[in-house]
Amino acid sequence: ASGLYGLGVTPSGGHVYAASQDAGRVYIVDTG
């Protein structure tokens, strides 16, 4: 979603969490 700002990777490296200021949501991306 638009307005992405903060993000980080899980300890296993399996997922990325990305926060959208515009949508007011956190999106979870499968790194595989």
Full PDB file with SEQRES, HELIX, SHEET, SSBOND, CRYST1, ORIGX, SCALE, CONECT and MASTER records, all heavy atoms in Angstrom:
SEQRES   1 A   32  ALA SER GLY LEU TYR GLY LEU GLY VAL THR PRO SER GLY          
SEQRES   2 A   32  GLY HIS VAL TYR ALA ALA SER GLN ASP ALA GLY ARG VAL          
SEQRES   3 A   32  TYR ILE VAL ASP THR GLY                                      
SHEET    1 AA1 3 LEU A   4  VAL A   9  0                                        
SHEET    2 AA1 3 HIS A  15  SER A  20 -1                                        
SHEET    3 AA1 3 ARG A  25  ASP A  30 -1                                        
CRYST1    1.000    1.000    1.000  90.00  90.00  90.00 P 1           1          
ORIGX1      1.000000  0.000000  0.000000        0.00000                         
ORIGX2      0.000000  1.000000  0.000000        0.00000                         
ORIGX3      0.000000  0.000000  1.000000        0.00000                         
SCALE1      1.000000  0.000000  0.000000        0.00000                         
SCALE2      0.000000  1.000000  0.000000        0.00000                         
SCALE3      0.000000  0.000000  1.000000        0.00000                         
ATOM      1  N   ALA A   1       0.855  -1.184   0.000  1.00  0.00           N  
ATOM      2  CA  ALA A   1       0.000   0.000   0.000  1.00  0.00           C  
ATOM      3  C   ALA A   1       0.890   1.232   0.000  1.00  0.00           C  
ATOM      4  O   ALA A   1       2.053   1.174   0.408  1.00  0.00           O  
ATOM      5  CB  ALA A   1      -0.916   0.011   1.229  1.00  0.00           C  
ATOM      6  N   SER A   2       0.365   2.359  -0.448  1.00  0.00           N  
ATOM      7  CA  SER A   2       1.153   3.579  -0.480  1.00  0.00           C  
ATOM      8  C   SER A   2       1.471   4.054   0.941  1.00  0.00           C  
ATOM      9  O   SER A   2       0.796   3.696   1.894  1.00  0.00           O  
ATOM     10  CB  SER A   2       0.410   4.667  -1.246  1.00  0.00           C  
ATOM     11  OG  SER A   2      -0.794   5.009  -0.579  1.00  0.00           O  
ATOM     12  N   GLY A   3       2.510   4.858   1.043  1.00  0.00           N  
ATOM     13  CA  GLY A   3       2.884   5.411   2.343  1.00  0.00           C  
ATOM     14  C   GLY A   3       3.683   4.482   3.215  1.00  0.00           C  
ATOM     15  O   GLY A   3       3.726   4.641   4.431  1.00  0.00           O  
ATOM     16  N   LEU A   4       4.364   3.497   2.615  1.00  0.00           N  
ATOM     17  CA  LEU A   4       5.200   2.610   3.420  1.00  0.00           C  
ATOM     18  C   LEU A   4       6.322   3.400   4.083  1.00  0.00           C  
ATOM     19  O   LEU A   4       6.893   4.317   3.490  1.00  0.00           O  
ATOM     20  CB  LEU A   4       5.812   1.509   2.563  1.00  0.00           C  
ATOM     21  CG  LEU A   4       4.892   0.415   2.033  1.00  0.00           C  
ATOM     22  CD1 LEU A   4       5.729  -0.659   1.344  1.00  0.00           C  
ATOM     23  CD2 LEU A   4       4.057  -0.200   3.146  1.00  0.00           C  
ATOM     24  N   TYR A   5       6.651   3.035   5.320  1.00  0.00           N  
ATOM     25  CA  TYR A   5       7.763   3.688   6.006  1.00  0.00           C  
ATOM     26  C   TYR A   5       8.630   2.660   6.734  1.00  0.00           C  
ATOM     27  O   TYR A   5       9.652   2.235   6.248  1.00  0.00           O  
ATOM     28  CB  TYR A   5       7.266   4.763   6.982  1.00  0.00           C  
ATOM     29  CG  TYR A   5       8.245   5.891   7.141  1.00  0.00           C  
ATOM     30  CD1 TYR A   5       7.943   7.178   6.708  1.00  0.00           C  
ATOM     31  CD2 TYR A   5       9.500   5.670   7.717  1.00  0.00           C  
ATOM     32  CE1 TYR A   5       8.862   8.212   6.842  1.00  0.00           C  
ATOM     33  CE2 TYR A   5      10.421   6.695   7.851  1.00  0.00           C  
ATOM     34  CZ  TYR A   5      10.094   7.971   7.415  1.00  0.00           C  
ATOM     35  OH  TYR A   5      10.993   8.978   7.543  1.00  0.00           O  
ATOM     36  N   GLY A   6       8.226   2.260   7.938  1.00  0.00           N  
ATOM     37  CA  GLY A   6       9.050   1.335   8.707  1.00  0.00           C  
ATOM     38  C   GLY A   6       8.888  -0.095   8.234  1.00  0.00           C  
ATOM     39  O   GLY A   6       7.824  -0.498   7.765  1.00  0.00           O  
ATOM     40  N   LEU A   7       9.966  -0.867   8.354  1.00  0.00           N  
ATOM     41  CA  LEU A   7       9.876  -2.288   8.057  1.00  0.00           C  
ATOM     42  C   LEU A   7      11.002  -3.024   8.760  1.00  0.00           C  
ATOM     43  O   LEU A   7      11.975  -2.425   9.228  1.00  0.00           O  
ATOM     44  CB  LEU A   7       9.897  -2.568   6.556  1.00  0.00           C  
ATOM     45  CG  LEU A   7      11.229  -2.697   5.815  1.00  0.00           C  
ATOM     46  CD1 LEU A   7      10.999  -3.247   4.418  1.00  0.00           C  
ATOM     47  CD2 LEU A   7      11.959  -1.384   5.730  1.00  0.00           C  
ATOM     48  N   GLY A   8      10.832  -4.364   8.865  1.00  0.00           N  
ATOM     49  CA  GLY A   8      11.849  -5.179   9.507  1.00  0.00           C  
ATOM     50  C   GLY A   8      11.680  -6.626   9.119  1.00  0.00           C  
ATOM     51  O   GLY A   8      10.662  -7.017   8.548  1.00  0.00           O  
ATOM     52  N   VAL A   9      12.708  -7.418   9.423  1.00  0.00           N  
ATOM     53  CA  VAL A   9      12.741  -8.825   9.046  1.00  0.00           C  
ATOM     54  C   VAL A   9      12.653  -9.689  10.304  1.00  0.00           C  
ATOM     55  O   VAL A   9      13.251  -9.360  11.331  1.00  0.00           O  
ATOM     56  CB  VAL A   9      14.032  -9.165   8.280  1.00  0.00           C  
ATOM     57  CG1 VAL A   9      13.978 -10.575   7.722  1.00  0.00           C  
ATOM     58  CG2 VAL A   9      14.272  -8.160   7.157  1.00  0.00           C  
ATOM     59  N   THR A  10      11.925 -10.805  10.229  1.00  0.00           N  
ATOM     60  CA  THR A  10      11.795 -11.709  11.369  1.00  0.00           C  
ATOM     61  C   THR A  10      13.123 -12.419  11.643  1.00  0.00           C  
ATOM     62  O   THR A  10      13.983 -12.488  10.775  1.00  0.00           O  
ATOM     63  CB  THR A  10      10.700 -12.756  11.109  1.00  0.00           C  
ATOM     64  OG1 THR A  10      11.021 -13.464   9.910  1.00  0.00           O  
ATOM     65  CG2 THR A  10       9.333 -12.111  10.974  1.00  0.00           C  
ATOM     66  N   PRO A  11      13.303 -12.955  12.865  1.00  0.00           N  
ATOM     67  CA  PRO A  11      14.575 -13.599  13.228  1.00  0.00           C  
ATOM     68  C   PRO A  11      14.975 -14.726  12.285  1.00  0.00           C  
ATOM     69  O   PRO A  11      16.149 -14.909  11.989  1.00  0.00           O  
ATOM     70  CB  PRO A  11      14.307 -14.146  14.635  1.00  0.00           C  
ATOM     71  CG  PRO A  11      13.207 -13.314  15.165  1.00  0.00           C  
ATOM     72  CD  PRO A  11      12.354 -12.948  13.991  1.00  0.00           C  
ATOM     73  N   SER A  12      13.998 -15.480  11.799  1.00  0.00           N  
ATOM     74  CA  SER A  12      14.299 -16.586  10.887  1.00  0.00           C  
ATOM     75  C   SER A  12      14.559 -16.107   9.474  1.00  0.00           C  
ATOM     76  O   SER A  12      15.053 -16.856   8.631  1.00  0.00           O  
ATOM     77  CB  SER A  12      13.120 -17.557  10.862  1.00  0.00           C  
ATOM     78  OG  SER A  12      11.975 -16.914  10.304  1.00  0.00           O  
ATOM     79  N   GLY A  13      14.211 -14.859   9.212  1.00  0.00           N  
ATOM     80  CA  GLY A  13      14.322 -14.336   7.854  1.00  0.00           C  
ATOM     81  C   GLY A  13      13.155 -14.715   6.978  1.00  0.00           C  
ATOM     82  O   GLY A  13      13.147 -14.426   5.778  1.00  0.00           O  
ATOM     83  N   GLY A  14      12.138 -15.330   7.563  1.00  0.00           N  
ATOM     84  CA  GLY A  14      11.005 -15.816   6.779  1.00  0.00           C  
ATOM     85  C   GLY A  14      10.005 -14.760   6.354  1.00  0.00           C  
ATOM     86  O   GLY A  14       9.290 -14.952   5.376  1.00  0.00           O  
ATOM     87  N   HIS A  15       9.939 -13.649   7.091  1.00  0.00           N  
ATOM     88  CA  HIS A  15       8.944 -12.634   6.775  1.00  0.00           C  
ATOM     89  C   HIS A  15       9.503 -11.220   6.946  1.00  0.00           C  
ATOM     90  O   HIS A  15      10.392 -10.991   7.768  1.00  0.00           O  
ATOM     91  CB  HIS A  15       7.704 -12.777   7.665  1.00  0.00           C  
ATOM     92  CG  HIS A  15       6.948 -14.047   7.426  1.00  0.00           C  
ATOM     93  ND1 HIS A  15       7.207 -15.207   8.127  1.00  0.00           N  
ATOM     94  CD2 HIS A  15       5.952 -14.351   6.545  1.00  0.00           C  
ATOM     95  CE1 HIS A  15       6.412 -16.165   7.700  1.00  0.00           C  
ATOM     96  NE2 HIS A  15       5.642 -15.677   6.735  1.00  0.00           N  
ATOM     97  N   VAL A  16       8.947 -10.320   6.160  1.00  0.00           N  
ATOM     98  CA  VAL A  16       9.208  -8.898   6.306  1.00  0.00           C  
ATOM     99  C   VAL A  16       7.917  -8.229   6.727  1.00  0.00           C  
ATOM    100  O   VAL A  16       6.851  -8.502   6.146  1.00  0.00           O  
ATOM    101  CB  VAL A  16       9.705  -8.274   4.978  1.00  0.00           C  
ATOM    102  CG1 VAL A  16       9.748  -6.754   5.072  1.00  0.00           C  
ATOM    103  CG2 VAL A  16      11.082  -8.813   4.629  1.00  0.00           C  
ATOM    104  N   TYR A  17       7.976  -7.388   7.755  1.00  0.00           N  
ATOM    105  CA  TYR A  17       6.826  -6.598   8.181  1.00  0.00           C  
ATOM    106  C   TYR A  17       7.014  -5.174   7.671  1.00  0.00           C  
ATOM    107  O   TYR A  17       8.070  -4.576   7.889  1.00  0.00           O  
ATOM    108  CB  TYR A  17       6.724  -6.586   9.706  1.00  0.00           C  
ATOM    109  CG  TYR A  17       6.158  -7.849  10.313  1.00  0.00           C  
ATOM    110  CD1 TYR A  17       6.755  -9.082  10.110  1.00  0.00           C  
ATOM    111  CD2 TYR A  17       5.017  -7.796  11.102  1.00  0.00           C  
ATOM    112  CE1 TYR A  17       6.244 -10.239  10.665  1.00  0.00           C  
ATOM    113  CE2 TYR A  17       4.494  -8.954  11.664  1.00  0.00           C  
ATOM    114  CZ  TYR A  17       5.114 -10.169  11.444  1.00  0.00           C  
ATOM    115  OH  TYR A  17       4.596 -11.314  12.007  1.00  0.00           O  
ATOM    116  N   ALA A  18       6.007  -4.638   7.006  1.00  0.00           N  
ATOM    117  CA  ALA A  18       6.091  -3.286   6.440  1.00  0.00           C  
ATOM    118  C   ALA A  18       4.879  -2.470   6.871  1.00  0.00           C  
ATOM    119  O   ALA A  18       3.738  -2.901   6.692  1.00  0.00           O  
ATOM    120  CB  ALA A  18       6.161  -3.354   4.913  1.00  0.00           C  
ATOM    121  N   ALA A  19       5.132  -1.287   7.452  1.00  0.00           N  
ATOM    122  CA  ALA A  19       4.057  -0.441   7.967  1.00  0.00           C  
ATOM    123  C   ALA A  19       3.722   0.670   6.981  1.00  0.00           C  
ATOM    124  O   ALA A  19       4.610   1.361   6.486  1.00  0.00           O  
ATOM    125  CB  ALA A  19       4.454   0.165   9.310  1.00  0.00           C  
ATOM    126  N   SER A  20       2.434   0.829   6.703  1.00  0.00           N  
ATOM    127  CA  SER A  20       1.952   1.885   5.812  1.00  0.00           C  
ATOM    128  C   SER A  20       1.292   2.987   6.625  1.00  0.00           C  
ATOM    129  O   SER A  20       0.310   2.743   7.328  1.00  0.00           O  
ATOM    130  CB  SER A  20       0.949   1.325   4.801  1.00  0.00           C  
ATOM    131  OG  SER A  20       0.259   2.379   4.143  1.00  0.00           O  
ATOM    132  N   GLN A  21       1.839   4.200   6.518  1.00  0.00           N  
ATOM    133  CA  GLN A  21       1.227   5.347   7.183  1.00  0.00           C  
ATOM    134  C   GLN A  21      -0.126   5.682   6.560  1.00  0.00           C  
ATOM    135  O   GLN A  21      -1.071   6.046   7.259  1.00  0.00           O  
ATOM    136  CB  GLN A  21       2.145   6.562   7.088  1.00  0.00           C  
ATOM    137  CG  GLN A  21       3.428   6.432   7.901  1.00  0.00           C  
ATOM    138  CD  GLN A  21       4.320   7.636   7.700  1.00  0.00           C  
ATOM    139  OE1 GLN A  21       4.665   7.989   6.581  1.00  0.00           O  
ATOM    140  NE2 GLN A  21       4.702   8.266   8.791  1.00  0.00           N  
ATOM    141  N   ASP A  22      -0.213   5.585   5.236  1.00  0.00           N  
ATOM    142  CA  ASP A  22      -1.444   5.962   4.548  1.00  0.00           C  
ATOM    143  C   ASP A  22      -2.582   4.990   4.847  1.00  0.00           C  
ATOM    144  O   ASP A  22      -3.729   5.397   5.074  1.00  0.00           O  
ATOM    145  CB  ASP A  22      -1.213   6.024   3.035  1.00  0.00           C  
ATOM    146  CG  ASP A  22      -0.288   7.162   2.628  1.00  0.00           C  
ATOM    147  OD1 ASP A  22       0.038   7.990   3.503  1.00  0.00           O  
ATOM    148  OD2 ASP A  22       0.105   7.218   1.448  1.00  0.00           O  
ATOM    149  N   ALA A  23      -2.267   3.697   4.831  1.00  0.00           N  
ATOM    150  CA  ALA A  23      -3.312   2.694   5.027  1.00  0.00           C  
ATOM    151  C   ALA A  23      -3.555   2.390   6.500  1.00  0.00           C  
ATOM    152  O   ALA A  23      -4.584   1.805   6.844  1.00  0.00           O  
ATOM    153  CB  ALA A  23      -2.943   1.406   4.293  1.00  0.00           C  
ATOM    154  N   GLY A  24      -2.627   2.778   7.375  1.00  0.00           N  
ATOM    155  CA  GLY A  24      -2.764   2.457   8.792  1.00  0.00           C  
ATOM    156  C   GLY A  24      -2.718   0.956   9.023  1.00  0.00           C  
ATOM    157  O   GLY A  24      -3.406   0.427   9.886  1.00  0.00           O  
ATOM    158  N   ARG A  25      -1.868   0.262   8.263  1.00  0.00           N  
ATOM    159  CA  ARG A  25      -1.784  -1.190   8.354  1.00  0.00           C  
ATOM    160  C   ARG A  25      -0.335  -1.648   8.334  1.00  0.00           C  
ATOM    161  O   ARG A  25       0.552  -0.935   7.856  1.00  0.00           O  
ATOM    162  CB  ARG A  25      -2.516  -1.858   7.176  1.00  0.00           C  
ATOM    163  CG  ARG A  25      -4.019  -1.661   7.175  1.00  0.00           C  
ATOM    164  CD  ARG A  25      -4.635  -2.281   5.924  1.00  0.00           C  
ATOM    165  NE  ARG A  25      -6.083  -2.063   5.879  1.00  0.00           N  
ATOM    166  CZ  ARG A  25      -6.976  -2.899   6.374  1.00  0.00           C  
ATOM    167  NH1 ARG A  25      -6.581  -4.020   6.948  1.00  0.00           N  
ATOM    168  NH2 ARG A  25      -8.269  -2.641   6.306  1.00  0.00           N  
ATOM    169  N   VAL A  26      -0.115  -2.859   8.820  1.00  0.00           N  
ATOM    170  CA  VAL A  26       1.162  -3.535   8.676  1.00  0.00           C  
ATOM    171  C   VAL A  26       0.962  -4.715   7.734  1.00  0.00           C  
ATOM    172  O   VAL A  26       0.040  -5.516   7.915  1.00  0.00           O  
ATOM    173  CB  VAL A  26       1.697  -4.020  10.035  1.00  0.00           C  
ATOM    174  CG1 VAL A  26       2.915  -4.917   9.844  1.00  0.00           C  
ATOM    175  CG2 VAL A  26       2.064  -2.826  10.908  1.00  0.00           C  
ATOM    176  N   TYR A  27       1.819  -4.823   6.727  1.00  0.00           N  
ATOM    177  CA  TYR A  27       1.737  -5.888   5.733  1.00  0.00           C  
ATOM    178  C   TYR A  27       2.872  -6.881   5.960  1.00  0.00           C  
ATOM    179  O   TYR A  27       3.998  -6.492   6.288  1.00  0.00           O  
ATOM    180  CB  TYR A  27       1.821  -5.302   4.320  1.00  0.00           C  
ATOM    181  CG  TYR A  27       0.642  -4.426   3.991  1.00  0.00           C  
ATOM    182  CD1 TYR A  27       0.611  -3.093   4.403  1.00  0.00           C  
ATOM    183  CD2 TYR A  27      -0.451  -4.928   3.303  1.00  0.00           C  
ATOM    184  CE1 TYR A  27      -0.487  -2.284   4.125  1.00  0.00           C  
ATOM    185  CE2 TYR A  27      -1.551  -4.130   3.023  1.00  0.00           C  
ATOM    186  CZ  TYR A  27      -1.560  -2.804   3.439  1.00  0.00           C  
ATOM    187  OH  TYR A  27      -2.641  -2.009   3.167  1.00  0.00           O  
ATOM    188  N   ILE A  28       2.575  -8.167   5.794  1.00  0.00           N  
ATOM    189  CA  ILE A  28       3.532  -9.224   6.053  1.00  0.00           C  
ATOM    190  C   ILE A  28       3.909  -9.888   4.734  1.00  0.00           C  
ATOM    191  O   ILE A  28       3.050 -10.439   4.039  1.00  0.00           O  
ATOM    192  CB  ILE A  28       2.962 -10.253   7.034  1.00  0.00           C  
ATOM    193  CG1 ILE A  28       2.502  -9.554   8.319  1.00  0.00           C  
ATOM    194  CG2 ILE A  28       4.001 -11.325   7.354  1.00  0.00           C  
ATOM    195  CD1 ILE A  28       1.702 -10.442   9.237  1.00  0.00           C  
ATOM    196  N   VAL A  29       5.188  -9.828   4.386  1.00  0.00           N  
ATOM    197  CA  VAL A  29       5.691 -10.358   3.122  1.00  0.00           C  
ATOM    198  C   VAL A  29       6.477 -11.645   3.387  1.00  0.00           C  
ATOM    199  O   VAL A  29       7.360 -11.677   4.240  1.00  0.00           O  
ATOM    200  CB  VAL A  29       6.585  -9.342   2.404  1.00  0.00           C  
ATOM    201  CG1 VAL A  29       7.139  -9.926   1.100  1.00  0.00           C  
ATOM    202  CG2 VAL A  29       5.837  -8.039   2.130  1.00  0.00           C  
ATOM    203  N   ASP A  30       6.138 -12.699   2.664  1.00  0.00           N  
ATOM    204  CA  ASP A  30       6.861 -13.970   2.734  1.00  0.00           C  
ATOM    205  C   ASP A  30       8.146 -13.821   1.918  1.00  0.00           C  
ATOM    206  O   ASP A  30       8.105 -13.577   0.718  1.00  0.00           O  
ATOM    207  CB  ASP A  30       5.981 -15.081   2.149  1.00  0.00           C  
ATOM    208  CG  ASP A  30       6.598 -16.459   2.306  1.00  0.00           C  
ATOM    209  OD1 ASP A  30       7.813 -16.617   1.996  1.00  0.00           O  
ATOM    210  OD2 ASP A  30       5.889 -17.390   2.704  1.00  0.00           O  
ATOM    211  N   THR A  31       9.309 -13.959   2.568  1.00  0.00           N  
ATOM    212  CA  THR A  31      10.565 -13.762   1.866  1.00  0.00           C  
ATOM    213  C   THR A  31      10.922 -14.916   0.936  1.00  0.00           C  
ATOM    214  O   THR A  31      11.773 -14.760   0.056  1.00  0.00           O  
ATOM    215  CB  THR A  31      11.715 -13.546   2.857  1.00  0.00           C  
ATOM    216  OG1 THR A  31      11.847 -14.700   3.702  1.00  0.00           O  
ATOM    217  CG2 THR A  31      11.479 -12.310   3.707  1.00  0.00           C  
ATOM    218  N   GLY A  32      10.281 -16.056   1.129  1.00  0.00           N  
ATOM    219  CA  GLY A  32      10.533 -17.188   0.234  1.00  0.00           C  
ATOM    220  C   GLY A  32       9.912 -16.990  -1.120  1.00  0.00           C  
ATOM    221  O   GLY A  32      10.488 -17.370  -2.153  1.00  0.00           O  
TER     222      GLY A  32                                                      
MASTER        0    0    0    0    3    0    0    6  221    1    0    3          
END                                                                             
